[in-house]
């Protein structure tokens, strides 16, 4: 994955540049080494199945249906990461912005930093802040962030997207996890962060044509088998993408009646969080006391208008969302280059600020009264520069 780019020294200086260069070189070496092994391992696996005379009817898919094993070839992730760099080039921030954010929050007199699993139940005199990392596209930068937090003695929360190409791919009914996924998971666990699943059960159902809820359950169980303590999930995307929130696959989290298309076609309310030993859902979405079904359906149907960089849409999403209410007082999202958005309800009143820079974020905390809950939502791909 060779890509050429110019990195401005800025305040980071030559020492930071040398450190970043060493990190990039190590990342490239590890990826090449892992990718070199992956084809040999897959070929050996299927050769062993054939040599052992394993009955093809003994191999099952995600739903337990018996299927014939498929010989597959994994995609090259060097091309994948090159595409990620290209897609986010105009939105990404220097990595030291993340370091500045963590430093500001850790030193702010009002802030208590907690993982997401503690945020819902947390009650303090100051402002409880959770750092949520939705790993949509860049697990390598996520590992770097987790290590940064470990050095600072902070427990952040990281959620792996099980439908992302870096995680794995479906080949017909066969799901193949990427070989390099394991060392990324191990690195996140060693860093001491909270690990969870970025739930895209509706995406697996709608786009991939598989049993989405079962696909989610399988990855929760697999991550636990790798040593992760999975306490919660975080729904991927927003309601306009699928016509429902991904969190609604859980029986106790259906947000409004699903008596119209496309909600009648979606696997809503299929899973029991208690049976899965899950204690929270990290979008912190909850139903309105009196849901307005017409308004919720209209908002969810407006896929073309759903844009996190559009202040009018983001204001409604965070402060007056007809599909859901929020279990936190304020959310702070990074949505682009030097572009942060803060929104929620403070003291019962709508609160929204757009086009914030990293230096403005301390004032958001200052605006919050005691005993507030604040969720910082970050995607690692926005800090690749």
Protein backbone atom coordinates (compact mmCIF):
# COMPACT_ATOMS: atom_id res chain seq x y z
CA UNK A 1 0.00 0.00 0.00
CA UNK A 2 2.33 2.66 -1.19
CA UNK A 3 0.91 6.16 -1.27
CA UNK A 4 2.72 9.45 -1.49
CA UNK A 5 1.68 12.41 0.63
CA UNK A 6 3.16 15.56 2.08
CA UNK A 7 2.94 15.91 5.85
CA UNK A 8 3.26 19.49 7.16
CA UNK A 9 5.47 19.73 10.21
CA UNK A 10 3.32 22.32 11.95
CA UNK A 11 3.62 22.21 15.72
CA UNK A 12 4.35 18.53 15.80
CA UNK A 13 7.93 19.08 14.76
CA UNK A 14 10.53 16.73 13.41
CA UNK A 15 10.34 14.33 16.36
CA UNK A 16 6.64 13.69 15.76
CA UNK A 17 7.26 13.30 12.04
CA UNK A 18 9.92 10.65 12.65
CA UNK A 19 7.61 8.83 15.06
CA UNK A 20 4.72 8.85 12.57
CA UNK A 21 7.02 7.63 9.81
CA UNK A 22 8.16 4.73 11.97
CA UNK A 23 4.54 3.84 12.75
CA UNK A 24 3.61 3.87 9.05
CA UNK A 25 6.58 1.70 8.14
CA UNK A 26 5.68 -0.82 10.84
CA UNK A 27 2.05 -0.85 9.74
CA UNK A 28 3.08 -1.53 6.13
CA UNK A 29 5.43 -4.32 7.18
CA UNK A 30 2.78 -6.03 9.32
CA UNK A 31 0.12 -5.83 6.62
CA UNK A 32 2.40 -7.25 3.95
CA UNK A 33 3.45 -10.07 6.26
CA UNK A 34 -0.13 -10.96 7.15
CA UNK A 35 -1.40 -10.71 3.60
CA UNK A 36 1.40 -13.02 2.48
CA UNK A 37 0.18 -15.73 4.86
CA UNK A 38 -3.51 -15.46 4.24
CA UNK A 39 -3.71 -17.15 0.82
CA UNK A 40 -1.53 -20.05 1.94
CA UNK A 41 -3.68 -20.62 5.02
CA UNK A 42 -6.96 -20.59 3.11
CA UNK A 43 -5.58 -22.93 0.44
CA UNK A 44 -4.32 -25.30 3.15
CA UNK A 45 -7.69 -25.21 4.92
CA UNK A 46 -9.69 -26.28 1.91
CA UNK A 47 -7.08 -28.82 0.85
CA UNK A 48 -7.35 -30.37 4.32
CA UNK A 49 -11.16 -30.50 4.03
CA UNK A 50 -10.88 -32.34 0.71
CA UNK A 51 -8.08 -34.68 1.83
CA UNK A 52 -9.96 -35.63 5.00
CA UNK A 53 -13.01 -36.55 2.98
CA UNK A 54 -15.21 -34.27 5.05
CA UNK A 55 -18.84 -34.54 3.98
CA UNK A 56 -19.82 -31.21 2.44
CA UNK A 57 -23.20 -31.55 4.14
CA UNK A 58 -21.39 -31.23 7.49
CA UNK A 59 -20.41 -27.60 6.85
CA UNK A 60 -22.98 -25.01 7.95
CA UNK A 61 -23.55 -21.33 7.27
CA UNK A 62 -24.48 -18.57 9.76
CA UNK A 63 -28.05 -19.81 10.18
CA UNK A 64 -27.03 -23.43 10.67
CA UNK A 65 -28.11 -24.44 7.18
CA UNK A 66 -25.78 -27.06 5.75
CA UNK A 67 -23.89 -25.78 2.72
CA UNK A 68 -21.01 -26.83 0.50
CA UNK A 69 -17.68 -25.19 1.48
CA UNK A 70 -16.43 -22.59 -0.96
CA UNK A 71 -12.80 -22.00 -1.96
CA UNK A 72 -12.31 -18.24 -1.86
CA UNK A 73 -9.57 -15.70 -2.34
CA UNK A 74 -9.41 -12.74 0.02
CA UNK A 75 -9.20 -9.20 -1.42
CA UNK A 76 -5.94 -7.30 -1.13
CA UNK A 77 -6.20 -4.89 1.80
CA UNK A 78 -3.37 -2.71 0.53
CA UNK A 79 -5.79 -1.51 -2.16
CA UNK A 80 -8.48 -1.16 0.49
CA UNK A 81 -6.42 1.16 2.69
CA UNK A 82 -5.36 3.18 -0.34
CA UNK A 83 -9.05 3.68 -1.12
CA UNK A 84 -9.79 4.69 2.48
CA UNK A 85 -7.03 7.30 2.32
CA UNK A 86 -8.46 8.62 -0.93
CA UNK A 87 -12.08 8.68 0.28
CA UNK A 88 -11.29 10.59 3.48
CA UNK A 89 -8.51 12.85 2.17
CA UNK A 90 -10.68 15.99 2.29
CA UNK A 91 -12.13 15.18 5.73
CA UNK A 92 -9.22 13.93 7.79
CA UNK A 93 -7.47 15.82 10.58
CA UNK A 94 -3.88 15.63 11.83
CA UNK A 95 -3.52 12.87 14.40
CA UNK A 96 -2.24 15.33 16.97
CA UNK A 97 -5.76 16.84 17.05
CA UNK A 98 -6.87 13.62 18.73
CA UNK A 99 -4.03 13.95 21.21
CA UNK A 100 -5.09 17.55 21.92
CA UNK A 101 -8.68 16.45 22.51
CA UNK A 102 -7.69 13.72 24.96
CA UNK A 103 -5.34 16.08 26.79
CA UNK A 104 -8.02 18.77 27.05
CA UNK A 105 -10.65 16.39 28.42
CA UNK A 106 -8.24 14.71 30.84
CA UNK A 107 -7.22 18.06 32.30
CA UNK A 108 -10.65 19.74 32.37
CA UNK A 109 -11.78 20.28 35.95
CA UNK A 110 -15.42 19.37 35.22
CA UNK A 111 -14.76 16.13 33.32
CA UNK A 112 -14.76 12.52 34.45
CA UNK A 113 -13.76 10.22 31.58
CA UNK A 114 -15.63 6.90 31.59
CA UNK A 115 -16.11 4.04 29.09
CA UNK A 116 -19.47 3.83 27.35
CA UNK A 117 -20.66 0.93 29.48
CA UNK A 118 -20.46 3.19 32.54
CA UNK A 119 -21.95 6.32 30.98
CA UNK A 120 -25.64 5.42 31.17
CA UNK A 121 -25.49 4.63 34.89
CA UNK A 122 -22.87 7.20 35.83
CA UNK A 123 -23.86 9.89 38.30
CA UNK A 124 -21.30 12.48 39.34
CA UNK A 125 -21.26 16.12 40.27
CA UNK A 126 -19.31 17.07 37.14
CA UNK A 127 -19.64 16.07 33.48
CA UNK A 128 -19.31 12.39 32.58
CA UNK A 129 -17.65 12.05 29.17
CA UNK A 130 -17.30 8.84 27.13
CA UNK A 131 -15.06 8.51 24.07
CA UNK A 132 -16.79 6.34 21.46
CA UNK A 133 -14.73 5.17 18.48
CA UNK A 134 -16.81 3.72 15.62
CA UNK A 135 -14.30 1.80 13.47
CA UNK A 136 -16.04 2.13 10.12
CA UNK A 137 -12.92 1.89 7.95
CA UNK A 138 -9.55 2.24 9.71
CA UNK A 139 -8.62 -0.31 12.40
CA UNK A 140 -4.93 0.64 12.20
CA UNK A 141 -5.55 4.20 13.37
CA UNK A 142 -7.98 2.80 15.96
CA UNK A 143 -5.15 0.73 17.46
CA UNK A 144 -2.99 3.84 17.55
CA UNK A 145 -5.73 5.73 19.40
CA UNK A 146 -6.22 2.89 21.89
CA UNK A 147 -2.50 2.86 22.64
CA UNK A 148 -2.58 6.64 23.11
CA UNK A 149 -5.38 6.29 25.66
CA UNK A 150 -3.51 3.47 27.41
CA UNK A 151 -0.47 5.71 27.85
CA UNK A 152 -2.77 8.35 29.35
CA UNK A 153 -4.53 5.87 31.65
CA UNK A 154 -7.92 6.32 29.94
CA UNK A 155 -10.40 3.62 28.93
CA UNK A 156 -11.99 4.47 25.59
CA UNK A 157 -14.67 2.41 23.84
CA UNK A 158 -14.02 0.92 20.38
CA UNK A 159 -16.55 -0.82 18.11
CA UNK A 160 -15.56 -3.06 15.20
CA UNK A 161 -17.85 -2.92 12.16
CA UNK A 162 -18.58 -6.55 11.29
CA UNK A 163 -19.73 -5.74 7.74
CA UNK A 164 -16.64 -3.67 6.85
CA UNK A 165 -14.17 -5.01 4.29
CA UNK A 166 -11.31 -4.84 6.81
CA UNK A 167 -13.28 -7.23 9.06
CA UNK A 168 -14.29 -9.87 6.54
CA UNK A 169 -16.44 -10.72 3.56
CA UNK A 170 -19.31 -12.95 2.59
CA UNK A 171 -18.70 -15.22 -0.38
CA UNK A 172 -22.16 -16.56 -0.99
CA UNK A 173 -23.08 -18.09 2.37
CA UNK A 174 -19.48 -18.33 3.57
CA UNK A 175 -18.17 -15.56 5.83
CA UNK A 176 -14.38 -15.19 5.84
CA UNK A 177 -12.76 -12.99 8.48
CA UNK A 178 -9.52 -11.36 7.43
CA UNK A 179 -6.39 -12.87 8.92
CA UNK A 180 -5.09 -9.47 10.06
CA UNK A 181 -8.24 -8.88 12.12
CA UNK A 182 -6.89 -11.01 14.98
CA UNK A 183 -3.74 -8.96 15.68
CA UNK A 184 -5.80 -5.75 15.58
CA UNK A 185 -8.19 -7.20 18.14
CA UNK A 186 -5.31 -8.40 20.29
CA UNK A 187 -3.72 -4.94 20.17
CA UNK A 188 -6.97 -3.27 21.24
CA UNK A 189 -7.38 -5.70 24.13
CA UNK A 190 -3.78 -5.26 25.28
CA UNK A 191 -4.37 -1.49 25.31
CA UNK A 192 -7.11 -2.06 27.90
CA UNK A 193 -9.93 -0.38 25.98
CA UNK A 194 -13.56 -1.44 25.95
CA UNK A 195 -14.32 -3.49 22.83
CA UNK A 196 -17.73 -3.92 21.25
CA UNK A 197 -19.46 -4.57 17.94
CA UNK A 198 -20.55 -1.79 15.57
CA UNK A 199 -23.91 -3.38 14.85
CA UNK A 200 -24.88 -3.48 11.16
CA UNK A 201 -27.40 -6.31 11.33
CA UNK A 202 -29.80 -4.38 9.08
CA UNK A 203 -27.02 -3.83 6.55
CA UNK A 204 -26.19 -7.54 6.51
CA UNK A 205 -29.89 -8.27 6.01
CA UNK A 206 -30.58 -5.62 3.35
CA UNK A 207 -27.33 -5.45 1.38
CA UNK A 208 -25.78 -8.89 1.85
CA UNK A 209 -28.91 -11.01 1.93
CA UNK A 210 -27.99 -12.98 5.05
CA UNK A 211 -29.57 -13.39 8.47
CA UNK A 212 -28.42 -10.06 9.91
CA UNK A 213 -29.29 -10.65 13.58
CA UNK A 214 -27.57 -14.06 13.52
CA UNK A 215 -24.52 -12.52 11.82
CA UNK A 216 -24.33 -10.03 14.71
CA UNK A 217 -24.70 -12.76 17.34
CA UNK A 218 -21.98 -14.83 15.73
CA UNK A 219 -19.47 -11.96 15.87
CA UNK A 220 -20.31 -11.17 19.50
CA UNK A 221 -19.64 -14.80 20.37
CA UNK A 222 -16.48 -14.96 18.27
CA UNK A 223 -15.01 -11.80 19.83
CA UNK A 224 -15.72 -13.23 23.28
CA UNK A 225 -13.90 -16.38 22.26
CA UNK A 226 -10.91 -14.15 21.47
CA UNK A 227 -10.90 -12.85 25.05
CA UNK A 228 -13.00 -9.70 24.64
CA UNK A 229 -15.58 -8.74 27.26
CA UNK A 230 -18.46 -7.59 25.06
CA UNK A 231 -20.90 -5.58 27.16
CA UNK A 232 -22.62 -3.62 24.41
CA UNK A 233 -23.07 -2.78 20.76
CA UNK A 234 -23.39 0.48 18.85
CA UNK A 235 -25.79 0.79 15.93
CA UNK A 236 -24.17 1.69 12.59
CA UNK A 237 -25.67 4.43 10.39
CA UNK A 238 -28.92 6.29 11.10
CA UNK A 239 -32.58 5.50 10.43
CA UNK A 240 -32.71 7.03 6.91
CA UNK A 241 -30.20 4.47 5.63
CA UNK A 242 -32.36 1.37 6.25
CA UNK A 243 -35.67 2.80 7.46
CA UNK A 244 -34.81 1.88 11.06
CA UNK A 245 -31.98 2.14 13.54
CA UNK A 246 -29.71 -0.91 13.78
CA UNK A 247 -30.32 -0.99 17.53
CA UNK A 248 -33.91 -1.97 16.76
CA UNK A 249 -32.89 -5.58 16.11
CA UNK A 250 -33.11 -5.89 19.91
CA UNK A 251 -36.57 -6.59 21.28
CA UNK A 252 -36.45 -3.87 23.93
CA UNK A 253 -35.15 -1.18 21.57
CA UNK A 254 -37.79 -0.91 18.84
CA UNK A 255 -38.33 2.85 18.59
CA UNK A 256 -41.69 3.24 16.86
CA UNK A 257 -44.37 0.88 15.41
CA UNK A 258 -43.20 -0.95 12.31
CA UNK A 259 -46.47 -1.26 10.41
CA UNK A 260 -45.32 0.20 7.09
CA UNK A 261 -42.67 -0.47 4.46
CA UNK A 262 -39.69 -0.82 4.80
CA UNK A 263 -39.98 -1.55 8.53
CA UNK A 264 -42.27 -4.51 7.92
CA UNK A 265 -39.46 -6.08 5.84
CA UNK A 266 -36.74 -5.64 8.46
CA UNK A 267 -35.77 -8.05 11.29
CA UNK A 268 -36.75 -5.72 14.12
CA UNK A 269 -37.02 -6.94 17.70
CA UNK A 270 -35.42 -10.31 16.95
CA UNK A 271 -32.72 -10.44 19.65
CA UNK A 272 -32.76 -10.39 23.44
CA UNK A 273 -29.95 -8.34 24.99
CA UNK A 274 -30.24 -10.16 28.29
CA UNK A 275 -29.79 -13.56 26.66
CA UNK A 276 -26.71 -12.18 24.90
CA UNK A 277 -25.43 -10.73 28.20
CA UNK A 278 -25.42 -7.20 26.80
CA UNK A 279 -25.97 -4.40 29.30
CA UNK A 280 -26.26 -1.29 27.11
CA UNK A 281 -26.53 0.06 23.55
CA UNK A 282 -23.97 2.75 22.79
CA UNK A 283 -25.92 5.11 20.55
CA UNK A 284 -28.01 5.72 23.70
CA UNK A 285 -31.13 5.98 21.53
CA UNK A 286 -34.45 5.36 23.28
CA UNK A 287 -38.12 5.62 22.27
CA UNK A 288 -40.08 8.82 22.71
CA UNK A 289 -42.68 8.63 25.46
CA UNK A 290 -45.31 9.13 22.74
CA UNK A 291 -43.82 8.26 19.33
CA UNK A 292 -45.08 10.23 16.33
CA UNK A 293 -45.18 7.44 13.76
CA UNK A 294 -45.92 9.72 10.80
CA UNK A 295 -43.04 12.08 11.59
CA UNK A 296 -40.67 9.19 12.35
CA UNK A 297 -41.47 7.46 9.06
CA UNK A 298 -41.01 10.71 7.14
CA UNK A 299 -37.64 11.40 8.73
CA UNK A 300 -36.47 7.83 8.15
CA UNK A 301 -37.58 7.99 4.50
CA UNK A 302 -35.48 11.07 3.73
CA UNK A 303 -32.26 9.27 2.84
CA UNK A 304 -31.17 11.96 0.37
CA UNK A 305 -31.30 14.63 3.07
CA UNK A 306 -29.40 12.65 5.71
CA UNK A 307 -25.97 14.29 5.82
CA UNK A 308 -23.87 14.67 8.97
CA UNK A 309 -22.17 17.71 7.39
CA UNK A 310 -25.48 19.48 6.80
CA UNK A 311 -26.09 21.62 9.91
CA UNK A 312 -29.88 21.69 9.48
CA UNK A 313 -30.11 17.88 9.31
CA UNK A 314 -27.59 17.34 12.08
CA UNK A 315 -29.40 19.82 14.33
CA UNK A 316 -32.64 17.90 13.94
CA UNK A 317 -30.90 14.54 14.35
CA UNK A 318 -29.28 15.56 17.65
CA UNK A 319 -31.84 17.93 19.18
CA UNK A 320 -35.30 17.11 17.79
CA UNK A 321 -35.17 13.64 16.24
CA UNK A 322 -38.70 12.35 15.55
CA UNK A 323 -37.48 8.74 15.49
CA UNK A 324 -35.93 8.67 18.94
CA UNK A 325 -34.95 10.38 22.14
CA UNK A 326 -31.42 10.32 23.56
CA UNK A 327 -30.14 8.91 26.83
CA UNK A 328 -27.30 11.44 26.96
CA UNK A 329 -27.45 15.22 27.31
CA UNK A 330 -25.01 16.15 24.56
CA UNK A 331 -23.10 14.51 21.70
CA UNK A 332 -19.97 15.87 20.05
CA UNK A 333 -19.18 14.51 16.58
CA UNK A 334 -16.18 15.04 14.33
CA UNK A 335 -17.58 15.16 10.77
CA UNK A 336 -14.73 16.61 8.73
CA UNK A 337 -11.52 18.54 8.59
CA UNK A 338 -11.56 21.08 11.44
CA UNK A 339 -15.29 20.41 11.66
CA UNK A 340 -16.94 19.32 14.90
CA UNK A 341 -20.64 19.43 15.76
CA UNK A 342 -22.17 19.50 19.24
CA UNK A 343 -25.84 18.95 19.91
CA UNK A 344 -28.41 17.70 22.37
CA UNK A 345 -30.60 19.13 25.11
CA UNK A 346 -29.13 20.99 28.04
CA UNK A 347 -31.42 21.89 30.91
CA UNK A 348 -34.30 20.74 28.70
CA UNK A 349 -33.50 23.25 25.95
CA UNK A 350 -32.13 22.46 22.46
CA UNK A 351 -28.37 22.96 22.21
CA UNK A 352 -26.56 22.99 18.89
CA UNK A 353 -23.21 24.33 17.67
CA UNK A 354 -21.73 23.73 14.23
CA UNK A 355 -18.35 24.34 12.62
CA UNK A 356 -16.45 23.94 15.87
CA UNK A 357 -12.67 23.45 15.80
CA UNK A 358 -10.58 21.46 18.23
CA UNK A 359 -9.90 24.62 20.24
CA UNK A 360 -13.66 25.24 20.70
CA UNK A 361 -14.48 21.92 22.35
CA UNK A 362 -13.53 22.96 25.87
CA UNK A 363 -16.29 25.57 25.75
CA UNK A 364 -18.86 22.84 25.01
CA UNK A 365 -17.95 21.21 28.32
CA UNK A 366 -18.16 24.62 29.99
CA UNK A 367 -21.73 24.99 28.69
CA UNK A 368 -22.86 21.79 30.41
CA UNK A 369 -24.32 21.83 33.93
CA UNK A 370 -23.28 19.43 36.70
CA UNK A 371 -24.29 15.77 36.38
CA UNK A 372 -24.47 15.98 32.58
CA UNK A 373 -23.61 13.06 30.29
CA UNK A 374 -21.64 13.81 27.12
CA UNK A 375 -20.73 11.40 24.32
CA UNK A 376 -17.82 12.12 21.96
CA UNK A 377 -18.35 10.21 18.70
CA UNK A 378 -15.25 9.70 16.58
CA UNK A 379 -14.34 7.62 13.54
CA UNK A 380 -10.60 6.81 13.40
CA UNK A 381 -10.46 7.51 9.65
CA UNK A 382 -10.97 11.21 10.46
CA UNK A 383 -7.54 11.29 12.17
CA UNK A 384 -5.33 9.62 9.56
CA UNK A 385 -3.29 12.69 8.58
